[in-house]
Amino acid sequence: MRLGYPESIKIIRVPCTGKVDALHLMRCFERGADGVIVVGCREGDCHYQSGNFRARKRVAEVAGLLERLGIGGERLRMVNLSSSDAPLFVKAAREIHEAVLAAGPNPVGRPRRPPAVPTASETPGKEVIRP
């Protein structure tokens, strides 16, 4: 059975969700991510004992911070799944995708283009010095 999740989702593997720091989550939004979903082991089944509990706490703290900053806490979620829960992963991925679409684009961290430097032909009579 082949299950598909939205193509806009980029998967970043980590050894344990307990290693995902609040700074990592904030940096995702700073770099233009519209939403983040942290997928960890089922509670009580973490190979690193309590990593998923630490991750859940961090995700909740960062979601609260995003809410206070006006970015929206609904853009960040955590789910706990086992490796055999592919249908549940697809469901969670589609849910966060829909939530992000409803929230709109990330208001911060959009990649910015450097300002266009006019060429000599665009500014007649003026010399253009390029950095």
N, C-alpha and C. Protein backbone atom coordinates (compact mmCIF):
# COMPACT_ATOMS: atom_id res chain seq x y z
N MET A 1 0.85 -1.17 0.00
CA MET A 1 0.00 0.00 0.00
C MET A 1 0.90 1.23 0.00
N ARG A 2 0.65 2.14 -0.91
CA ARG A 2 1.45 3.35 -1.03
C ARG A 2 0.61 4.52 -0.55
N LEU A 3 1.11 5.17 0.52
CA LEU A 3 0.40 6.32 1.07
C LEU A 3 1.18 7.58 0.75
N GLY A 4 0.47 8.63 0.41
CA GLY A 4 1.14 9.87 0.05
C GLY A 4 0.79 10.98 1.01
N TYR A 5 1.79 11.77 1.33
CA TYR A 5 1.57 12.97 2.13
C TYR A 5 1.91 14.17 1.25
N PRO A 6 1.51 15.37 1.64
CA PRO A 6 1.74 16.53 0.78
C PRO A 6 3.21 16.69 0.39
N GLU A 7 3.44 17.02 -0.86
CA GLU A 7 4.79 17.14 -1.40
C GLU A 7 5.56 18.31 -0.78
N SER A 8 4.85 19.25 -0.20
CA SER A 8 5.52 20.42 0.38
C SER A 8 6.21 20.10 1.70
N ILE A 9 5.98 18.92 2.24
CA ILE A 9 6.58 18.53 3.51
C ILE A 9 8.00 18.02 3.28
N LYS A 10 8.93 18.59 4.02
CA LYS A 10 10.33 18.18 3.95
C LYS A 10 10.66 17.44 5.23
N ILE A 11 11.17 16.23 5.12
CA ILE A 11 11.48 15.42 6.31
C ILE A 11 12.94 15.60 6.68
N ILE A 12 13.17 15.89 7.95
CA ILE A 12 14.52 16.02 8.49
C ILE A 12 14.63 14.99 9.61
N ARG A 13 15.50 14.02 9.42
CA ARG A 13 15.65 12.95 10.41
C ARG A 13 16.61 13.37 11.52
N VAL A 14 16.25 13.02 12.73
CA VAL A 14 17.12 13.25 13.90
C VAL A 14 17.18 11.95 14.69
N PRO A 15 18.25 11.73 15.47
CA PRO A 15 18.36 10.47 16.22
C PRO A 15 17.23 10.31 17.23
N CYS A 16 16.81 11.42 17.83
CA CYS A 16 15.75 11.38 18.83
C CYS A 16 15.12 12.76 18.88
N THR A 17 13.80 12.83 19.02
CA THR A 17 13.15 14.13 19.12
C THR A 17 13.60 14.89 20.35
N GLY A 18 14.13 14.18 21.34
CA GLY A 18 14.66 14.84 22.53
C GLY A 18 15.86 15.72 22.20
N LYS A 19 16.48 15.50 21.05
CA LYS A 19 17.62 16.33 20.62
C LYS A 19 17.17 17.60 19.91
N VAL A 20 15.88 17.71 19.60
CA VAL A 20 15.36 18.89 18.92
C VAL A 20 15.19 19.99 19.97
N ASP A 21 16.00 21.02 19.84
CA ASP A 21 16.00 22.13 20.79
C ASP A 21 15.01 23.20 20.33
N ALA A 22 14.61 24.04 21.25
CA ALA A 22 13.71 25.15 20.92
C ALA A 22 14.32 26.04 19.85
N LEU A 23 15.62 26.22 19.91
CA LEU A 23 16.31 27.04 18.91
C LEU A 23 16.17 26.44 17.51
N HIS A 24 16.24 25.12 17.41
CA HIS A 24 16.06 24.47 16.11
C HIS A 24 14.66 24.77 15.55
N LEU A 25 13.67 24.68 16.41
CA LEU A 25 12.29 24.92 15.98
C LEU A 25 12.11 26.37 15.53
N MET A 26 12.63 27.30 16.31
CA MET A 26 12.51 28.72 15.96
C MET A 26 13.27 29.03 14.67
N ARG A 27 14.41 28.39 14.49
CA ARG A 27 15.21 28.63 13.29
C ARG A 27 14.46 28.17 12.04
N CYS A 28 13.66 27.12 12.16
CA CYS A 28 12.85 26.68 11.01
C CYS A 28 11.94 27.81 10.54
N PHE A 29 11.30 28.46 11.49
CA PHE A 29 10.39 29.55 11.14
C PHE A 29 11.17 30.77 10.64
N GLU A 30 12.32 31.02 11.24
CA GLU A 30 13.16 32.13 10.81
C GLU A 30 13.59 31.95 9.35
N ARG A 31 13.82 30.73 8.95
CA ARG A 31 14.28 30.44 7.59
C ARG A 31 13.15 30.26 6.60
N GLY A 32 11.92 30.51 7.04
CA GLY A 32 10.80 30.55 6.10
C GLY A 32 9.83 29.40 6.14
N ALA A 33 9.99 28.44 7.06
CA ALA A 33 9.03 27.33 7.12
C ALA A 33 7.67 27.88 7.54
N ASP A 34 6.62 27.43 6.89
CA ASP A 34 5.28 27.85 7.25
C ASP A 34 4.72 27.03 8.40
N GLY A 35 5.25 25.85 8.62
CA GLY A 35 4.80 25.00 9.71
C GLY A 35 5.82 23.91 9.99
N VAL A 36 5.75 23.34 11.20
CA VAL A 36 6.67 22.28 11.61
C VAL A 36 5.87 21.24 12.38
N ILE A 37 6.11 19.98 12.05
CA ILE A 37 5.53 18.89 12.83
C ILE A 37 6.69 18.02 13.32
N VAL A 38 6.71 17.78 14.61
CA VAL A 38 7.74 16.94 15.22
C VAL A 38 7.09 15.58 15.46
N VAL A 39 7.67 14.54 14.89
CA VAL A 39 7.12 13.20 15.02
C VAL A 39 8.09 12.37 15.85
N GLY A 40 7.63 11.95 17.02
CA GLY A 40 8.49 11.18 17.92
C GLY A 40 7.93 9.80 18.20
N CYS A 41 8.70 9.04 18.95
CA CYS A 41 8.27 7.69 19.36
C CYS A 41 7.01 7.80 20.21
N ARG A 42 6.30 6.69 20.29
CA ARG A 42 5.15 6.65 21.19
C ARG A 42 5.63 6.89 22.62
N GLU A 43 4.79 7.58 23.39
CA GLU A 43 5.17 7.88 24.77
C GLU A 43 5.40 6.58 25.53
N GLY A 44 6.53 6.51 26.19
CA GLY A 44 6.92 5.32 26.93
C GLY A 44 7.77 4.35 26.12
N ASP A 45 7.87 4.56 24.80
CA ASP A 45 8.65 3.67 23.94
C ASP A 45 9.91 4.33 23.39
N CYS A 46 10.34 5.44 23.96
CA CYS A 46 11.50 6.15 23.45
C CYS A 46 12.76 5.33 23.71
N HIS A 47 13.57 5.16 22.67
CA HIS A 47 14.83 4.43 22.81
C HIS A 47 15.80 5.15 23.75
N TYR A 48 15.61 6.45 23.89
CA TYR A 48 16.47 7.26 24.75
C TYR A 48 15.75 7.62 26.05
N GLN A 49 14.84 6.79 26.47
CA GLN A 49 14.09 6.84 27.72
C GLN A 49 13.06 7.96 27.75
N SER A 50 13.47 9.21 27.84
CA SER A 50 12.49 10.29 28.01
C SER A 50 12.63 11.38 26.96
N GLY A 51 13.26 11.10 25.84
CA GLY A 51 13.48 12.10 24.81
C GLY A 51 12.19 12.69 24.27
N ASN A 52 11.19 11.84 24.05
CA ASN A 52 9.95 12.35 23.49
C ASN A 52 9.18 13.23 24.49
N PHE A 53 9.38 13.00 25.79
CA PHE A 53 8.74 13.86 26.79
C PHE A 53 9.40 15.25 26.79
N ARG A 54 10.72 15.28 26.66
CA ARG A 54 11.44 16.56 26.57
C ARG A 54 10.99 17.31 25.31
N ALA A 55 10.87 16.58 24.21
CA ALA A 55 10.46 17.21 22.95
C ALA A 55 9.05 17.78 23.06
N ARG A 56 8.14 17.05 23.66
CA ARG A 56 6.77 17.53 23.80
C ARG A 56 6.73 18.83 24.60
N LYS A 57 7.54 18.88 25.67
CA LYS A 57 7.59 20.10 26.49
C LYS A 57 8.14 21.27 25.68
N ARG A 58 9.20 21.03 24.92
CA ARG A 58 9.80 22.10 24.11
C ARG A 58 8.84 22.58 23.02
N VAL A 59 8.16 21.65 22.39
CA VAL A 59 7.21 22.02 21.34
C VAL A 59 6.10 22.88 21.92
N ALA A 60 5.61 22.53 23.09
CA ALA A 60 4.56 23.32 23.73
C ALA A 60 5.06 24.72 24.08
N GLU A 61 6.28 24.81 24.58
CA GLU A 61 6.85 26.12 24.92
C GLU A 61 7.02 26.99 23.67
N VAL A 62 7.54 26.41 22.61
CA VAL A 62 7.76 27.18 21.37
C VAL A 62 6.42 27.55 20.73
N ALA A 63 5.44 26.67 20.78
CA ALA A 63 4.11 27.00 20.23
C ALA A 63 3.52 28.19 20.98
N GLY A 64 3.69 28.22 22.30
CA GLY A 64 3.22 29.35 23.09
C GLY A 64 3.96 30.63 22.71
N LEU A 65 5.25 30.52 22.48
CA LEU A 65 6.05 31.68 22.07
C LEU A 65 5.61 32.18 20.69
N LEU A 66 5.38 31.26 19.77
CA LEU A 66 4.91 31.65 18.44
C LEU A 66 3.57 32.37 18.53
N GLU A 67 2.72 31.91 19.42
CA GLU A 67 1.41 32.54 19.62
C GLU A 67 1.59 33.97 20.14
N ARG A 68 2.47 34.13 21.13
CA ARG A 68 2.71 35.46 21.71
C ARG A 68 3.35 36.40 20.70
N LEU A 69 4.15 35.87 19.79
CA LEU A 69 4.81 36.69 18.77
C LEU A 69 3.89 37.04 17.61
N GLY A 70 2.71 36.44 17.58
CA GLY A 70 1.76 36.72 16.51
C GLY A 70 1.97 35.88 15.26
N ILE A 71 2.82 34.87 15.35
CA ILE A 71 3.07 33.99 14.21
C ILE A 71 2.02 32.89 14.16
N GLY A 72 1.61 32.42 15.32
CA GLY A 72 0.57 31.40 15.41
C GLY A 72 1.10 30.07 15.89
N GLY A 73 0.64 29.65 17.06
CA GLY A 73 1.07 28.38 17.64
C GLY A 73 0.57 27.16 16.89
N GLU A 74 -0.47 27.34 16.07
CA GLU A 74 -1.01 26.21 15.31
C GLU A 74 -0.07 25.74 14.22
N ARG A 75 0.98 26.51 13.96
CA ARG A 75 1.95 26.16 12.94
C ARG A 75 2.94 25.09 13.43
N LEU A 76 2.91 24.77 14.71
CA LEU A 76 3.85 23.81 15.29
C LEU A 76 3.08 22.75 16.06
N ARG A 77 3.35 21.49 15.75
CA ARG A 77 2.68 20.39 16.44
C ARG A 77 3.65 19.25 16.69
N MET A 78 3.27 18.40 17.62
CA MET A 78 4.03 17.17 17.86
C MET A 78 3.06 16.01 17.92
N VAL A 79 3.46 14.91 17.30
CA VAL A 79 2.69 13.67 17.38
C VAL A 79 3.64 12.54 17.75
N ASN A 80 3.11 11.54 18.42
CA ASN A 80 3.89 10.38 18.82
C ASN A 80 3.37 9.16 18.06
N LEU A 81 4.25 8.54 17.28
CA LEU A 81 3.88 7.40 16.44
C LEU A 81 4.98 6.35 16.49
N SER A 82 4.61 5.14 16.10
CA SER A 82 5.64 4.11 15.94
C SER A 82 5.94 4.00 14.45
N SER A 83 6.97 3.27 14.11
CA SER A 83 7.36 3.15 12.70
C SER A 83 6.31 2.41 11.87
N SER A 84 5.40 1.71 12.51
CA SER A 84 4.36 0.99 11.78
C SER A 84 3.09 1.82 11.61
N ASP A 85 3.11 3.06 12.03
CA ASP A 85 1.92 3.92 11.98
C ASP A 85 1.91 4.83 10.76
N ALA A 86 2.25 4.30 9.59
CA ALA A 86 2.31 5.13 8.38
C ALA A 86 0.98 5.84 8.09
N PRO A 87 -0.17 5.16 8.20
CA PRO A 87 -1.43 5.86 7.93
C PRO A 87 -1.65 7.03 8.91
N LEU A 88 -1.23 6.86 10.16
CA LEU A 88 -1.38 7.95 11.12
C LEU A 88 -0.43 9.10 10.82
N PHE A 89 0.77 8.78 10.31
CA PHE A 89 1.70 9.82 9.91
C PHE A 89 1.11 10.64 8.76
N VAL A 90 0.57 9.95 7.77
CA VAL A 90 -0.03 10.64 6.62
C VAL A 90 -1.18 11.52 7.09
N LYS A 91 -1.98 11.02 8.00
CA LYS A 91 -3.10 11.81 8.53
C LYS A 91 -2.59 13.05 9.25
N ALA A 92 -1.56 12.91 10.10
CA ALA A 92 -1.00 14.04 10.83
C ALA A 92 -0.36 15.04 9.86
N ALA A 93 0.32 14.55 8.84
CA ALA A 93 0.95 15.42 7.84
C ALA A 93 -0.10 16.22 7.09
N ARG A 94 -1.18 15.58 6.73
CA ARG A 94 -2.25 16.30 6.02
C ARG A 94 -2.92 17.33 6.93
N GLU A 95 -3.08 16.98 8.22
CA GLU A 95 -3.70 17.92 9.16
C GLU A 95 -2.85 19.17 9.34
N ILE A 96 -1.54 19.00 9.54
CA ILE A 96 -0.68 20.18 9.71
C ILE A 96 -0.63 20.96 8.41
N HIS A 97 -0.66 20.27 7.27
CA HIS A 97 -0.66 20.95 5.98
C HIS A 97 -1.90 21.83 5.84
N GLU A 98 -3.05 21.30 6.20
CA GLU A 98 -4.31 22.07 6.13
C GLU A 98 -4.28 23.25 7.11
N ALA A 99 -3.75 23.03 8.31
CA ALA A 99 -3.66 24.11 9.30
C ALA A 99 -2.76 25.23 8.81
N VAL A 100 -1.67 24.87 8.17
CA VAL A 100 -0.74 25.88 7.65
C VAL A 100 -1.37 26.63 6.49
N LEU A 101 -2.07 25.92 5.62
CA LEU A 101 -2.75 26.60 4.52
C LEU A 101 -3.78 27.59 5.04
N ALA A 102 -4.50 27.19 6.09
CA ALA A 102 -5.50 28.08 6.69
C ALA A 102 -4.85 29.29 7.35
N ALA A 103 -3.68 29.10 7.95
CA ALA A 103 -2.99 30.20 8.63
C ALA A 103 -2.32 31.15 7.65
N GLY A 104 -2.02 30.67 6.46
CA GLY A 104 -1.36 31.51 5.47
C GLY A 104 0.15 31.41 5.58
N PRO A 105 0.85 32.16 4.76
CA PRO A 105 2.31 32.09 4.76
C PRO A 105 2.91 32.61 6.06
N ASN A 106 4.07 32.12 6.38
CA ASN A 106 4.83 32.55 7.55
C ASN A 106 5.11 34.05 7.42
N PRO A 107 4.70 34.86 8.41
CA PRO A 107 4.91 36.30 8.29
C PRO A 107 6.35 36.75 8.50
N VAL A 108 7.20 35.88 8.98
CA VAL A 108 8.61 36.24 9.20
C VAL A 108 9.50 35.26 8.46
N GLY A 109 10.72 35.65 8.26
CA GLY A 109 11.71 34.72 7.74
C GLY A 109 11.60 34.40 6.28
N ARG A 110 10.81 35.14 5.54
CA ARG A 110 10.75 34.88 4.11
C ARG A 110 12.11 35.18 3.51
N PRO A 111 12.58 34.30 2.64
CA PRO A 111 13.86 34.59 1.99
C PRO A 111 13.76 35.93 1.25
N ARG A 112 14.72 36.77 1.49
CA ARG A 112 14.71 38.09 0.89
C ARG A 112 15.71 38.15 -0.25
N ARG A 113 15.30 38.78 -1.31
CA ARG A 113 16.21 39.00 -2.44
C ARG A 113 16.97 40.28 -2.17
N PRO A 114 18.23 40.31 -2.54
CA PRO A 114 18.96 41.58 -2.39
C PRO A 114 18.35 42.62 -3.30
N PRO A 115 18.37 43.89 -2.90
CA PRO A 115 17.79 44.92 -3.77
C PRO A 115 18.52 44.97 -5.10
N ALA A 116 17.75 45.17 -6.13
CA ALA A 116 18.32 45.24 -7.47
C ALA A 116 19.16 46.50 -7.60
N VAL A 117 20.34 46.34 -8.13
CA VAL A 117 21.23 47.48 -8.36
C VAL A 117 21.01 47.93 -9.80
N PRO A 118 20.66 49.20 -10.00
CA PRO A 118 20.41 49.65 -11.37
C PRO A 118 21.70 49.60 -12.19
N THR A 119 21.54 49.29 -13.45
CA THR A 119 22.69 49.27 -14.36
C THR A 119 22.91 50.67 -14.91
N ALA A 120 24.03 50.87 -15.57
CA ALA A 120 24.35 52.18 -16.14
C ALA A 120 23.30 52.59 -17.17
N SER A 121 22.74 51.63 -17.89
CA SER A 121 21.75 51.97 -18.90
C SER A 121 20.42 52.41 -18.27
N GLU A 122 20.16 51.99 -17.04
CA GLU A 122 18.92 52.38 -16.36
C GLU A 122 19.03 53.75 -15.72
N THR A 123 20.23 54.21 -15.47
CA THR A 123 20.43 55.53 -14.88
C THR A 123 21.33 56.34 -15.78
N PRO A 124 20.75 56.96 -16.80
CA PRO A 124 21.57 57.69 -17.76
C PRO A 124 22.30 58.86 -17.09
N GLY A 125 23.55 59.00 -17.47
CA GLY A 125 24.34 60.12 -16.98
C GLY A 125 24.93 59.88 -15.60
N LYS A 126 24.64 58.74 -14.98
CA LYS A 126 25.19 58.46 -13.66
C LYS A 126 26.02 57.18 -13.72
N GLU A 127 27.13 57.22 -13.03
CA GLU A 127 27.98 56.05 -12.97
C GLU A 127 27.47 55.15 -11.85
N VAL A 128 27.39 53.87 -12.11
CA VAL A 128 26.91 52.91 -11.11
C VAL A 128 28.12 52.18 -10.55
N ILE A 129 28.24 52.23 -9.25
CA ILE A 129 29.33 51.52 -8.58
C ILE A 129 28.74 50.29 -7.92
N ARG A 130 29.22 49.15 -8.29
CA ARG A 130 28.70 47.90 -7.73
C ARG A 130 29.57 47.47 -6.56
N PRO A 131 28.94 46.96 -5.51
CA PRO A 131 29.71 46.48 -4.35
C PRO A 131 30.49 45.23 -4.67
